[in-house]
Amino acid sequence: MASGDNELVFCALGGLGEIGMNAALYGFGPPNKRKWLMVDCGVSFAGPDLPGIDLVFPDVSFVERVKKDLVGLVITHAHEDHIGAVTELWPKLGCRIFATRFAANLLEIKRSAEPGAPKIPVEIMAFGDRLNLEPFEVEVIPMAHSIPESSSLAIRTPLGTVLHTGDWKIDETPVIGLPTDQKRLTEIGDEGVLALVCDSTNILREGQSPSEAEVAINLRTLIGNAPGRVLVTTFASNIARIRAVADAAEATGRSVIVVGRAMDRAIEVARDCGYFDGVAPFFSANSYAYLPREKTVVVATGSQGELRAALARMAQDEHPEVKLVPGDRVIFSSRTIPGNEREVGRVINGLVRQGVEVVTDRTEMIHVSGHPRRAEVAQLYGWVRPKIAVPAHGEPLHLFEHGKFARLMGIDHVITAADGDVVLLAPGAPSIVDEAPHGRLCKDGNLLVSANDPSLAARNRLAFAGIVSIAFALTSRGDLAGDPDVVFSGMPTHTRDGKAMDAVIDAAIFATLDNLGRGKRRDPDAAATAVERSVRGAIGAAWGKKPTVHVLVVEV
């Protein structure tokens, strides 16, 4: 391998153009003989355009092609959008995988809850470690974030050092875990940083993010002055927030009840890692009825309005163990993720109708983001002083605005890339030089299918206009043998003028067959096609929508 042929490239398979599904690749070597390092392997959550789908994964077919040259997968932290695809996709990669203890333990407890999930041999890394993954050396640096043990990675190569920030903020009092390591980041900047691949989530917000410690103070006040029961809902992974609730409960003489499987798992891992040392054991939901109302704090999942989460069932008074009553206080210690507003609003309205007091971040400072605002990003650029900026972890607007901001910071080269773009970082002028295969994979039941799979488009059509199934038999002479069998779903039963929809369908079937020549009636395919078109047209005229129509013709 001639050293003069070596290149250092960056390519994201997810996370550039969306918030979520983070998966990045760094390549080093000649164009056809590169070694690859993967950073993170996360999920995103499906929207209404993908009915029946919950989770979306990055398409790693490109990585499968180069897996013999994949030196490792390093996880920056344990949020689902960075680690959530590992269980599903690691068997396709088969490489060494590195994570901090908290991330590794959380991955293992989630994996063990999934029947048939493969054993994943995670190697534990710690802050300050330097992973030798030839030709890369990866240094692990602590960063404050909304989950324990978040890290940035200083990725050293013979052509320069790249700082991959992961998710981060500057918080000197993060309640749990270490603050962002300004000293080490500055030292790395002094060594010389070729490129900074940086979180863009809050680049549209001025100033600096408040501290997690400020939220803890406000939660203690709201819990302490509540006349009755208090319920706090937050992200299950926000261990610092749960610790703040536990400390507030102890200070105000309350016991903590935990409701929700995801929260149980995260708390179990956090206790194993020592993040709840000195905190009394929590109670489970089946203790709810036996503890005094004014002496309890419930911590529950469901801050994003998830239909199956504990809080959504409480809002509908359908939870089997937890019932809320007028005078109870529910604190949403979270931010509504864009796209979840309707679901969260439904939960809040359900609680209010029950006479429950609801407190959100619109009126109280009870949530802070785990991502940096502009002043924090400016500080990082000042510490690191990269030659190249590559905005990451954001939608197109975030990446565009981050690019403008980096130029204001005096960065020589700013590359605003998208998923699949292969960015040449060195040697020479940085630029986008290629495009790697990329896309999205959807978890559909037990299967992984492409987001472009025709079945998903068909499902959207069914959701929009329903389906009609028609079966009838024709004799060898082309005559009907008995009455057609018609079943339809997802359609109104009557037209605007009150006519039964099945009568509209029957009329279209009989009229079509009567008007077909006997020769065509002897051809089952021709008869089926004619009936399909006729029924779709008749329903379209009566309803204004054309359903999917399936016709089965049997010869007798």
Protein backbone atom coordinates (compact mmCIF):
# COMPACT_ATOMS: atom_id res chain seq x y z
CA MET A 1 0.00 0.00 0.00
CA ALA A 2 1.81 3.09 -1.23
CA SER A 3 1.43 5.89 1.32
CA GLY A 4 1.00 8.44 -1.45
CA ASP A 5 -2.23 6.79 -2.50
CA ASN A 6 -3.86 7.00 0.93
CA GLU A 7 -6.99 9.05 1.47
CA LEU A 8 -9.07 9.86 4.53
CA VAL A 9 -12.80 10.00 3.86
CA PHE A 10 -16.00 10.42 5.86
CA CYS A 11 -19.41 9.03 4.90
CA ALA A 12 -22.68 8.98 6.86
CA LEU A 13 -25.30 6.32 6.23
CA GLY A 14 -27.68 8.15 8.56
CA GLY A 15 -27.85 11.31 10.65
CA LEU A 16 -27.13 13.84 7.88
CA GLY A 17 -30.50 15.16 6.77
CA GLU A 18 -32.47 13.78 9.71
CA ILE A 19 -32.24 13.74 13.48
CA GLY A 20 -31.88 10.06 14.26
CA MET A 21 -30.56 6.87 12.62
CA ASN A 22 -26.97 7.95 13.20
CA ALA A 23 -24.35 5.81 11.46
CA ALA A 24 -21.01 7.20 10.29
CA LEU A 25 -18.03 5.70 8.49
CA TYR A 26 -14.43 6.79 8.31
CA GLY A 27 -12.26 5.28 5.59
CA PHE A 28 -8.47 5.32 5.26
CA GLY A 29 -6.29 3.98 2.47
CA PRO A 30 -6.26 3.90 -1.34
CA PRO A 31 -9.75 4.23 -2.89
CA ASN A 32 -10.08 0.50 -3.58
CA LYS A 33 -8.31 -0.76 -0.43
CA ARG A 34 -9.67 1.34 2.39
CA LYS A 35 -9.99 0.23 5.98
CA TRP A 36 -13.21 1.41 7.59
CA LEU A 37 -14.23 2.51 11.07
CA MET A 38 -17.93 2.76 11.93
CA VAL A 39 -19.27 5.17 14.57
CA ASP A 40 -22.76 4.51 15.99
CA CYS A 41 -25.58 2.43 14.60
CA GLY A 42 -28.92 3.95 15.55
CA VAL A 43 -32.60 3.93 14.72
CA SER A 44 -35.20 6.52 13.90
CA PHE A 45 -38.91 6.22 14.54
CA ALA A 46 -41.39 5.90 11.71
CA GLY A 47 -43.95 8.58 10.97
CA PRO A 48 -47.47 8.31 9.57
CA ASP A 49 -46.06 7.77 6.07
CA LEU A 50 -45.04 4.25 7.13
CA PRO A 51 -48.14 2.60 8.61
CA GLY A 52 -47.40 -0.55 10.55
CA ILE A 53 -43.72 0.39 10.98
CA ASP A 54 -42.22 1.45 14.31
CA LEU A 55 -38.46 1.46 13.74
CA VAL A 56 -36.30 2.56 10.81
CA PHE A 57 -32.66 1.48 10.45
CA PRO A 58 -29.85 2.66 8.17
CA ASP A 59 -29.22 0.47 5.13
CA VAL A 60 -25.78 -1.03 5.78
CA SER A 61 -25.46 -2.93 2.50
CA PHE A 62 -22.37 -0.84 1.67
CA VAL A 63 -20.74 -1.86 4.96
CA GLU A 64 -21.58 -5.51 4.29
CA ARG A 65 -19.62 -5.24 1.04
CA VAL A 66 -16.50 -3.99 2.87
CA LYS A 67 -16.96 -5.89 6.14
CA LYS A 68 -13.61 -7.69 5.80
CA ASP A 69 -12.02 -4.23 6.00
CA LEU A 70 -14.25 -2.99 8.86
CA VAL A 71 -11.95 -2.60 11.85
CA GLY A 72 -14.61 -1.83 14.43
CA LEU A 73 -17.84 -0.12 15.51
CA VAL A 74 -17.54 2.47 18.27
CA ILE A 75 -20.67 3.68 20.09
CA THR A 76 -20.59 7.28 21.35
CA HIS A 77 -23.51 6.85 23.80
CA ALA A 78 -26.59 4.81 24.57
CA HIS A 79 -29.43 6.81 23.04
CA GLU A 80 -31.59 4.81 20.64
CA ASP A 81 -30.68 6.99 17.67
CA HIS A 82 -27.04 5.97 18.18
CA ILE A 83 -27.24 2.39 19.49
CA GLY A 84 -30.77 1.16 18.73
CA ALA A 85 -29.95 -0.66 15.48
CA VAL A 86 -27.02 -2.66 16.84
CA THR A 87 -28.99 -5.75 17.87
CA GLU A 88 -30.66 -5.95 14.46
CA LEU A 89 -27.72 -5.03 12.23
CA TRP A 90 -24.58 -6.23 14.01
CA PRO A 91 -24.96 -9.78 12.60
CA LYS A 92 -24.57 -8.21 9.15
CA LEU A 93 -21.32 -6.53 10.25
CA GLY A 94 -19.66 -9.07 12.54
CA CYS A 95 -16.97 -6.60 13.64
CA ARG A 96 -15.49 -5.67 17.00
CA ILE A 97 -17.76 -3.32 18.89
CA PHE A 98 -16.81 -0.86 21.62
CA ALA A 99 -19.00 0.99 24.13
CA THR A 100 -18.77 2.42 27.63
CA ARG A 101 -20.05 0.28 30.49
CA PHE A 102 -23.45 2.00 30.70
CA ALA A 103 -24.09 1.70 26.95
CA ALA A 104 -22.88 -1.90 26.86
CA ASN A 105 -25.04 -2.92 29.83
CA LEU A 106 -28.12 -1.20 28.45
CA LEU A 107 -27.58 -2.88 25.09
CA GLU A 108 -27.27 -6.27 26.79
CA ILE A 109 -30.40 -5.91 28.92
CA LYS A 110 -32.41 -4.83 25.87
CA ARG A 111 -30.95 -7.65 23.79
CA SER A 112 -31.84 -10.23 26.42
CA ALA A 113 -35.47 -9.04 26.31
CA GLU A 114 -35.72 -9.78 22.57
CA PRO A 115 -36.33 -13.47 21.77
CA GLY A 116 -33.68 -14.85 19.46
CA ALA A 117 -31.46 -11.76 19.57
CA PRO A 118 -27.79 -12.67 18.98
CA LYS A 119 -25.12 -12.38 21.63
CA ILE A 120 -23.02 -9.32 20.86
CA PRO A 121 -19.43 -9.34 22.21
CA VAL A 122 -19.12 -5.71 23.29
CA GLU A 123 -15.68 -4.56 24.44
CA ILE A 124 -15.85 -2.01 27.26
CA MET A 125 -14.08 1.29 26.70
CA ALA A 126 -13.49 4.05 29.26
CA PHE A 127 -12.81 7.76 29.07
CA GLY A 128 -9.19 8.39 28.24
CA ASP A 129 -8.78 5.07 26.43
CA ARG A 130 -7.02 5.01 23.09
CA LEU A 131 -8.37 2.20 20.94
CA ASN A 132 -5.84 0.83 18.48
CA LEU A 133 -7.90 -0.02 15.41
CA GLU A 134 -5.20 0.13 12.76
CA PRO A 135 -4.96 2.41 10.80
CA PHE A 136 -7.11 4.42 13.26
CA GLU A 137 -6.42 5.34 16.85
CA VAL A 138 -9.59 6.39 18.69
CA GLU A 139 -9.41 8.42 21.90
CA VAL A 140 -12.54 8.52 24.09
CA ILE A 141 -13.36 11.94 25.58
CA PRO A 142 -16.19 12.69 28.05
CA MET A 143 -18.97 15.03 26.94
CA ALA A 144 -21.97 16.23 28.93
CA HIS A 145 -25.29 15.05 27.48
CA SER A 146 -28.72 13.85 28.63
CA ILE A 147 -27.53 10.28 29.19
CA PRO A 148 -24.56 8.96 31.17
CA GLU A 149 -21.18 8.36 29.57
CA SER A 150 -21.62 10.26 26.34
CA SER A 151 -18.33 10.63 24.50
CA SER A 152 -16.67 12.34 21.62
CA LEU A 153 -14.01 10.52 19.62
CA ALA A 154 -10.65 11.87 18.53
CA ILE A 155 -9.94 9.68 15.49
CA ARG A 156 -6.24 9.86 14.61
CA THR A 157 -4.86 8.77 11.25
CA PRO A 158 -1.56 9.35 9.39
CA LEU A 159 -3.37 12.10 7.43
CA GLY A 160 -4.77 13.96 10.42
CA THR A 161 -7.14 13.88 13.37
CA VAL A 162 -10.92 14.06 13.13
CA LEU A 163 -13.00 14.98 16.19
CA HIS A 164 -16.39 13.27 16.03
CA THR A 165 -18.41 14.99 18.77
CA GLY A 166 -21.37 12.65 19.14
CA ASP A 167 -24.16 14.38 21.08
CA TRP A 168 -22.98 16.91 23.63
CA LYS A 169 -23.44 20.20 25.44
CA ILE A 170 -21.42 22.28 27.88
CA ASP A 171 -22.74 21.73 31.40
CA GLU A 172 -20.48 22.21 34.41
CA THR A 173 -23.10 20.67 36.75
CA PRO A 174 -24.65 17.74 34.87
CA VAL A 175 -25.99 16.01 38.08
CA ILE A 176 -24.68 12.64 36.84
CA GLY A 177 -21.50 11.94 34.96
CA LEU A 178 -18.58 14.08 33.87
CA PRO A 179 -18.80 17.54 32.30
CA THR A 180 -17.48 18.15 28.80
CA ASP A 181 -13.68 17.94 29.02
CA GLN A 182 -12.61 21.40 27.92
CA LYS A 183 -9.00 20.82 28.94
CA ARG A 184 -8.55 17.69 26.83
CA LEU A 185 -10.41 19.12 23.84
CA THR A 186 -8.17 22.20 23.94
CA GLU A 187 -5.07 19.99 24.11
CA ILE A 188 -6.27 18.06 21.08
CA GLY A 189 -6.85 21.37 19.33
CA ASP A 190 -3.27 22.35 20.16
CA GLU A 191 -2.09 19.10 18.55
CA GLY A 192 -3.97 20.06 15.38
CA VAL A 193 -7.39 18.94 14.23
CA LEU A 194 -8.04 18.30 10.57
CA ALA A 195 -11.84 18.09 10.77
CA LEU A 196 -14.67 18.54 13.25
CA VAL A 197 -17.83 16.46 12.66
CA CYS A 198 -20.24 18.19 14.99
CA ASP A 199 -23.77 17.98 16.43
CA SER A 200 -26.13 20.52 14.79
CA THR A 201 -29.36 19.88 16.70
CA ASN A 202 -29.66 23.25 18.47
CA ILE A 203 -27.66 25.42 16.07
CA LEU A 204 -30.77 27.55 15.48
CA ARG A 205 -30.90 28.56 19.16
CA GLU A 206 -28.87 31.47 20.50
CA GLY A 207 -27.02 31.48 23.79
CA GLN A 208 -26.07 28.57 26.00
CA SER A 209 -28.16 25.66 27.29
CA PRO A 210 -29.17 25.83 30.97
CA SER A 211 -27.70 23.25 33.32
CA GLU A 212 -29.27 20.01 34.44
CA ALA A 213 -28.71 21.23 38.01
CA GLU A 214 -31.19 24.10 37.44
CA VAL A 215 -33.86 21.60 36.43
CA ALA A 216 -33.15 19.62 39.60
CA ILE A 217 -33.78 22.71 41.74
CA ASN A 218 -37.09 23.47 40.04
CA LEU A 219 -38.25 19.85 40.25
CA ARG A 220 -37.58 19.87 43.99
CA THR A 221 -39.76 22.98 44.37
CA LEU A 222 -42.62 21.58 42.27
CA ILE A 223 -42.54 18.25 44.07
CA GLY A 224 -42.20 19.87 47.48
CA ASN A 225 -45.17 22.25 47.17
CA ALA A 226 -47.56 19.75 45.57
CA PRO A 227 -50.59 19.09 47.81
CA GLY A 228 -51.15 15.55 46.54
CA ARG A 229 -49.53 12.94 44.36
CA VAL A 230 -46.87 13.95 41.81
CA LEU A 231 -46.08 12.14 38.56
CA VAL A 232 -42.99 13.06 36.56
CA THR A 233 -42.64 11.84 32.99
CA THR A 234 -39.34 12.08 31.14
CA PHE A 235 -37.16 10.10 28.75
CA ALA A 236 -36.31 6.72 30.25
CA SER A 237 -32.64 7.21 29.39
CA ASN A 238 -32.34 10.55 31.22
CA ILE A 239 -30.76 9.10 34.35
CA ALA A 240 -29.74 12.52 35.66
CA ARG A 241 -33.36 13.64 35.56
CA ILE A 242 -34.56 10.49 37.33
CA ARG A 243 -31.83 10.99 39.94
CA ALA A 244 -33.02 14.59 40.40
CA VAL A 245 -36.57 13.34 41.00
CA ALA A 246 -35.29 10.76 43.49
CA ASP A 247 -33.28 13.39 45.37
CA ALA A 248 -36.30 15.72 45.43
CA ALA A 249 -38.50 12.91 46.72
CA GLU A 250 -36.07 12.13 49.53
CA ALA A 251 -35.83 15.81 50.47
CA THR A 252 -39.62 16.13 50.65
CA GLY A 253 -40.36 12.85 52.39
CA ARG A 254 -41.79 10.98 49.41
CA SER A 255 -41.24 7.51 47.98
CA VAL A 256 -40.55 6.92 44.29
CA ILE A 257 -42.68 4.55 42.20
CA VAL A 258 -41.39 3.62 38.73
CA VAL A 259 -43.87 2.74 35.98
CA GLY A 260 -42.75 1.58 32.53
CA ARG A 261 -40.53 -1.24 31.25
CA ALA A 262 -38.06 1.04 29.45
CA MET A 263 -37.53 3.05 32.62
CA ASP A 264 -37.12 -0.11 34.71
CA ARG A 265 -34.38 -1.28 32.34
CA ALA A 266 -32.52 2.04 32.33
CA ILE A 267 -32.68 2.33 36.13
CA GLU A 268 -31.42 -1.23 36.57
CA VAL A 269 -28.38 -0.46 34.41
CA ALA A 270 -27.80 2.88 36.14
CA ARG A 271 -27.82 1.19 39.57
CA ASP A 272 -25.31 -1.39 38.34
CA CYS A 273 -23.07 1.46 37.19
CA GLY A 274 -23.33 3.28 40.52
CA TYR A 275 -25.43 6.24 39.39
CA PHE A 276 -28.02 5.66 42.13
CA ASP A 277 -25.62 5.01 44.96
CA GLY A 278 -27.15 6.30 48.19
CA VAL A 279 -30.65 6.40 46.70
CA ALA A 280 -33.30 4.24 48.36
CA PRO A 281 -34.78 1.43 46.24
CA PHE A 282 -37.74 2.44 44.11
CA PHE A 283 -41.18 0.88 44.35
CA SER A 284 -42.93 -0.89 41.47
CA ALA A 285 -46.37 -0.03 40.11
CA ASN A 286 -48.10 -2.68 42.19
CA SER A 287 -47.24 -0.64 45.32
CA TYR A 288 -49.18 2.35 44.03
CA ALA A 289 -52.44 1.60 45.84
CA TYR A 290 -50.75 1.07 49.21
CA LEU A 291 -48.58 4.20 49.53
CA PRO A 292 -50.04 7.49 50.84
CA ARG A 293 -51.00 9.82 48.02
CA GLU A 294 -49.15 12.85 49.42
CA LYS A 295 -46.05 10.76 50.09
CA THR A 296 -45.36 9.46 46.58
CA VAL A 297 -43.71 10.54 43.36
CA VAL A 298 -44.39 8.43 40.29
CA VAL A 299 -41.80 8.39 37.50
CA ALA A 300 -43.34 7.13 34.27
CA THR A 301 -42.66 6.64 30.59
CA GLY A 302 -44.81 8.31 27.94
CA SER A 303 -43.52 11.87 27.70
CA GLN A 304 -43.85 11.72 23.88
CA GLY A 305 -47.48 10.57 23.90
CA GLU A 306 -46.63 6.99 22.90
CA LEU A 307 -49.91 5.08 22.71
CA ARG A 308 -48.64 2.00 24.55
CA ALA A 309 -46.72 3.89 27.22
CA ALA A 310 -47.86 4.09 30.83
CA LEU A 311 -48.88 7.75 30.80
CA ALA A 312 -51.11 7.45 27.71
CA ARG A 313 -53.07 4.70 29.44
CA MET A 314 -53.37 6.81 32.60
CA ALA A 315 -54.67 9.71 30.52
CA GLN A 316 -57.47 7.45 29.27
CA ASP A 317 -58.02 6.03 32.78
CA GLU A 318 -57.07 2.60 31.43
CA HIS A 319 -53.90 1.79 33.36
CA PRO A 320 -54.42 -1.39 35.41
CA GLU A 321 -52.56 -0.12 38.50
CA VAL A 322 -52.13 3.65 38.39
CA LYS A 323 -55.18 5.92 38.66
CA LEU A 324 -54.88 9.69 38.78
CA VAL A 325 -57.44 11.88 40.56
CA PRO A 326 -58.26 15.59 40.67
CA GLY A 327 -55.53 17.50 42.46
CA ASP A 328 -52.69 15.24 41.30
CA ARG A 329 -49.83 17.00 39.52
CA VAL A 330 -48.19 15.65 36.34
CA ILE A 331 -44.86 17.20 35.32
CA PHE A 332 -43.68 16.79 31.73
CA SER A 333 -39.91 17.02 32.32
CA SER A 334 -39.21 16.69 28.62
CA ARG A 335 -39.41 18.45 25.29
CA THR A 336 -41.97 17.37 22.72
CA ILE A 337 -40.06 15.97 19.76
CA PRO A 338 -41.25 17.62 16.51
CA GLY A 339 -43.93 15.42 14.98
CA ASN A 340 -45.24 14.22 18.35
CA GLU A 341 -47.27 17.31 19.18
CA ARG A 342 -50.65 15.75 18.45
CA GLU A 343 -49.98 12.64 20.53
CA VAL A 344 -48.62 14.64 23.48
CA GLY A 345 -51.56 17.03 23.27
CA ARG A 346 -53.96 14.08 23.38
CA VAL A 347 -52.35 12.84 26.61
CA ILE A 348 -52.32 16.29 28.21
CA ASN A 349 -55.98 16.89 27.36
CA GLY A 350 -56.91 13.49 28.75
CA LEU A 351 -55.21 14.33 32.03
CA VAL A 352 -56.81 17.77 32.25
CA ARG A 353 -60.25 16.27 31.69
CA GLN A 354 -59.62 14.12 34.78
CA GLY A 355 -58.90 17.23 36.84
CA VAL A 356 -55.15 16.66 36.94
CA GLU A 357 -52.80 19.65 37.02
CA VAL A 358 -50.31 19.49 34.13
CA VAL A 359 -46.97 21.33 34.24
CA THR A 360 -44.85 21.61 31.07
CA ASP A 361 -41.71 23.43 30.01
CA ARG A 362 -43.91 26.17 28.57
CA THR A 363 -44.45 27.53 32.07
CA GLU A 364 -41.62 26.10 34.19
CA MET A 365 -37.93 25.42 33.59
CA ILE A 366 -38.24 21.65 34.03
CA HIS A 367 -36.33 20.44 30.99
CA VAL A 368 -33.07 21.29 29.29
CA SER A 369 -31.75 19.93 26.03
CA GLY A 370 -28.71 17.71 25.84
CA HIS A 371 -27.48 19.49 22.71
CA PRO A 372 -25.39 22.66 22.32
CA ARG A 373 -26.74 26.06 21.40
CA ARG A 374 -24.73 28.48 19.27
CA ALA A 375 -22.59 29.89 22.10
CA GLU A 376 -21.52 26.38 23.09
CA VAL A 377 -20.71 25.44 19.50
CA ALA A 378 -18.63 28.61 19.25
CA GLN A 379 -16.68 27.59 22.37
CA LEU A 380 -15.97 24.16 20.90
CA TYR A 381 -14.68 25.67 17.67
CA GLY A 382 -12.45 27.91 19.79
CA TRP A 383 -11.02 24.94 21.66
CA VAL A 384 -10.56 22.62 18.69
CA ARG A 385 -9.78 25.05 15.84
CA PRO A 386 -10.41 22.58 12.99
CA LYS A 387 -9.41 23.20 9.39
CA ILE A 388 -12.61 21.52 8.12
CA ALA A 389 -16.15 21.59 9.52
CA VAL A 390 -18.68 18.88 8.66
CA PRO A 391 -22.10 19.64 10.23
CA ALA A 392 -23.83 16.44 11.40
CA HIS A 393 -26.81 15.22 13.44
CA GLY A 394 -29.50 17.42 11.93
CA GLU A 395 -32.12 18.03 9.31
CA PRO A 396 -31.11 19.95 6.16
CA LEU A 397 -31.93 23.32 7.77
CA HIS A 398 -29.75 22.55 10.78
CA LEU A 399 -26.83 21.47 8.59
CA PHE A 400 -27.16 24.54 6.38
CA GLU A 401 -27.26 26.95 9.32
CA HIS A 402 -24.38 25.15 11.02
CA GLY A 403 -22.37 25.53 7.84
CA LYS A 404 -23.00 29.29 7.81
CA PHE A 405 -22.07 29.48 11.50
CA ALA A 406 -18.81 27.57 10.94
CA ARG A 407 -17.82 30.07 8.27
CA LEU A 408 -18.48 32.88 10.74
CA MET A 409 -16.11 31.07 13.10
CA GLY A 410 -13.40 31.41 10.44
CA ILE A 411 -13.26 27.77 9.38
CA ASP A 412 -11.41 27.44 6.08
CA HIS A 413 -13.46 24.60 4.61
CA VAL A 414 -17.10 23.73 5.36
CA ILE A 415 -18.62 20.63 3.79
CA THR A 416 -22.39 20.33 4.08
CA ALA A 417 -22.97 16.72 3.16
CA ALA A 418 -25.99 14.40 3.07
CA ASP A 419 -26.43 10.70 3.80
CA GLY A 420 -24.35 8.67 1.35
CA ASP A 421 -21.96 11.46 0.37
CA VAL A 422 -18.32 10.38 0.52
CA VAL A 423 -16.36 13.38 1.78
CA LEU A 424 -12.63 13.51 1.03
CA LEU A 425 -10.95 15.06 4.10
CA ALA A 426 -7.32 14.54 3.05
CA PRO A 427 -5.11 14.93 1.14
CA GLY A 428 -5.80 18.10 -0.79
CA ALA A 429 -8.88 20.29 -0.77
CA PRO A 430 -11.85 18.67 1.00
CA SER A 431 -14.81 17.87 -1.23
CA ILE A 432 -17.59 15.38 -1.92
CA VAL A 433 -16.03 12.82 -4.23
CA ASP A 434 -18.45 9.91 -4.39
CA GLU A 435 -21.78 8.51 -3.18
CA ALA A 436 -22.11 5.27 -1.25
CA PRO A 437 -25.21 3.07 -1.41
CA HIS A 438 -27.52 4.19 1.39
CA GLY A 439 -31.17 4.20 2.36
CA ARG A 440 -33.55 3.10 5.07
CA LEU A 441 -34.62 -0.31 6.30
CA CYS A 442 -37.95 -0.73 8.08
CA LYS A 443 -38.68 -3.23 10.85
CA ASP A 444 -41.92 -4.74 9.60
CA GLY A 445 -43.01 -7.32 12.14
CA ASN A 446 -40.10 -9.78 12.26
CA LEU A 447 -38.74 -8.70 8.87
CA LEU A 448 -36.44 -5.99 7.59
CA VAL A 449 -37.67 -4.43 4.34
CA SER A 450 -36.49 -1.49 2.30
CA ALA A 451 -38.36 1.76 2.79
CA ASN A 452 -38.92 1.58 -0.99
CA ASP A 453 -40.56 -1.84 -0.79
CA PRO A 454 -43.81 -1.87 -2.82
CA SER A 455 -45.66 -3.38 0.15
CA LEU A 456 -45.24 -0.14 2.12
CA ALA A 457 -46.59 1.97 -0.74
CA ALA A 458 -49.52 -0.45 -1.05
CA ARG A 459 -50.18 -0.13 2.67
CA ASN A 460 -50.43 3.63 2.32
CA ARG A 461 -52.96 3.22 -0.48
CA LEU A 462 -54.98 0.83 1.65
CA ALA A 463 -54.95 3.28 4.53
CA PHE A 464 -56.18 6.04 2.22
CA ALA A 465 -58.96 4.28 0.29
CA GLY A 466 -59.53 0.76 1.62
CA ILE A 467 -59.84 -2.49 -0.27
CA VAL A 468 -62.51 -4.51 -2.10
CA SER A 469 -62.18 -8.27 -2.64
CA ILE A 470 -64.47 -9.88 -5.25
CA ALA A 471 -64.72 -13.55 -6.14
CA PHE A 472 -67.06 -15.15 -8.69
CA ALA A 473 -67.26 -18.29 -10.82
CA LEU A 474 -67.77 -18.51 -14.59
CA THR A 475 -68.82 -21.55 -16.57
CA SER A 476 -67.06 -22.67 -19.72
CA ARG A 477 -69.74 -20.73 -21.65
CA GLY A 478 -68.89 -17.53 -19.79
CA ASP A 479 -72.01 -17.51 -17.60
CA LEU A 480 -72.02 -16.62 -13.90
CA ALA A 481 -72.29 -19.68 -11.66
CA GLY A 482 -73.92 -18.31 -8.53
CA ASP A 483 -73.68 -14.85 -6.99
CA PRO A 484 -70.38 -12.97 -6.65
CA ASP A 485 -68.82 -12.90 -3.17
CA VAL A 486 -67.85 -9.34 -2.14
CA VAL A 487 -65.94 -8.20 0.96
CA PHE A 488 -64.71 -4.67 1.50
CA SER A 489 -62.85 -2.91 4.32
CA GLY A 490 -61.80 0.63 5.11
CA MET A 491 -64.70 2.15 3.11
CA PRO A 492 -67.99 3.84 4.06
CA THR A 493 -71.01 1.55 4.02
CA HIS A 494 -73.31 4.06 2.30
CA THR A 495 -73.02 6.76 -0.35
CA ARG A 496 -74.03 10.39 0.14
CA ASP A 497 -77.58 9.68 -1.05
CA GLY A 498 -77.91 6.70 1.32
CA LYS A 499 -77.37 3.92 -1.19
CA ALA A 500 -75.58 0.88 0.22
CA MET A 501 -71.99 0.65 -1.02
CA ASP A 502 -72.29 -3.10 -1.59
CA ALA A 503 -75.22 -2.37 -3.93
CA VAL A 504 -72.98 0.02 -5.92
CA ILE A 505 -70.37 -2.74 -6.18
CA ASP A 506 -72.89 -5.42 -7.18
CA ALA A 507 -74.40 -3.17 -9.86
CA ALA A 508 -70.96 -2.50 -11.35
CA ILE A 509 -70.10 -6.22 -11.42
CA PHE A 510 -73.33 -7.34 -13.13
CA ALA A 511 -73.34 -4.44 -15.61
CA THR A 512 -69.75 -5.18 -16.61
CA LEU A 513 -70.34 -8.90 -17.15
CA ASP A 514 -73.57 -8.26 -19.04
CA ASN A 515 -71.77 -5.87 -21.39
CA LEU A 516 -68.79 -8.14 -22.00
CA GLY A 517 -68.86 -10.24 -25.11
CA ARG A 518 -69.13 -13.96 -24.48
CA GLY A 519 -65.58 -14.46 -25.76
CA LYS A 520 -64.14 -12.15 -23.11
CA ARG A 521 -66.29 -13.74 -20.42
CA ARG A 522 -64.67 -17.05 -21.29
CA ASP A 523 -61.28 -15.46 -20.54
CA PRO A 524 -60.96 -15.22 -16.69
CA ASP A 525 -58.16 -12.66 -16.87
CA ALA A 526 -60.10 -10.37 -19.20
CA ALA A 527 -63.23 -10.67 -17.03
CA ALA A 528 -61.28 -9.93 -13.84
CA THR A 529 -59.60 -6.86 -15.35
CA ALA A 530 -62.90 -5.47 -16.63
CA VAL A 531 -64.65 -5.95 -13.28
CA GLU A 532 -61.74 -4.41 -11.37
CA ARG A 533 -61.79 -1.25 -13.51
CA SER A 534 -65.55 -0.97 -13.40
CA VAL A 535 -65.83 -1.37 -9.63
CA ARG A 536 -63.01 1.14 -8.95
CA GLY A 537 -64.71 3.63 -11.26
CA ALA A 538 -68.15 3.12 -9.73
CA ILE A 539 -66.87 3.56 -6.17
CA GLY A 540 -64.81 6.55 -7.23
CA ALA A 541 -67.92 8.21 -8.68
CA ALA A 542 -69.95 7.47 -5.54
CA TRP A 543 -67.31 8.18 -2.87
CA GLY A 544 -64.67 10.36 -4.46
CA LYS A 545 -61.90 7.83 -3.73
CA LYS A 546 -60.82 4.76 -5.64
CA PRO A 547 -59.95 1.74 -3.45
CA THR A 548 -57.67 -1.16 -4.21
CA VAL A 549 -59.80 -3.83 -5.91
CA HIS A 550 -58.85 -7.51 -6.06
CA VAL A 551 -60.85 -9.84 -8.30
CA LEU A 552 -60.63 -13.64 -8.29
CA VAL A 553 -62.35 -15.55 -11.11
CA VAL A 554 -62.86 -19.30 -10.80
CA GLU A 555 -63.65 -21.48 -13.84
CA VAL A 556 -66.27 -24.19 -13.31
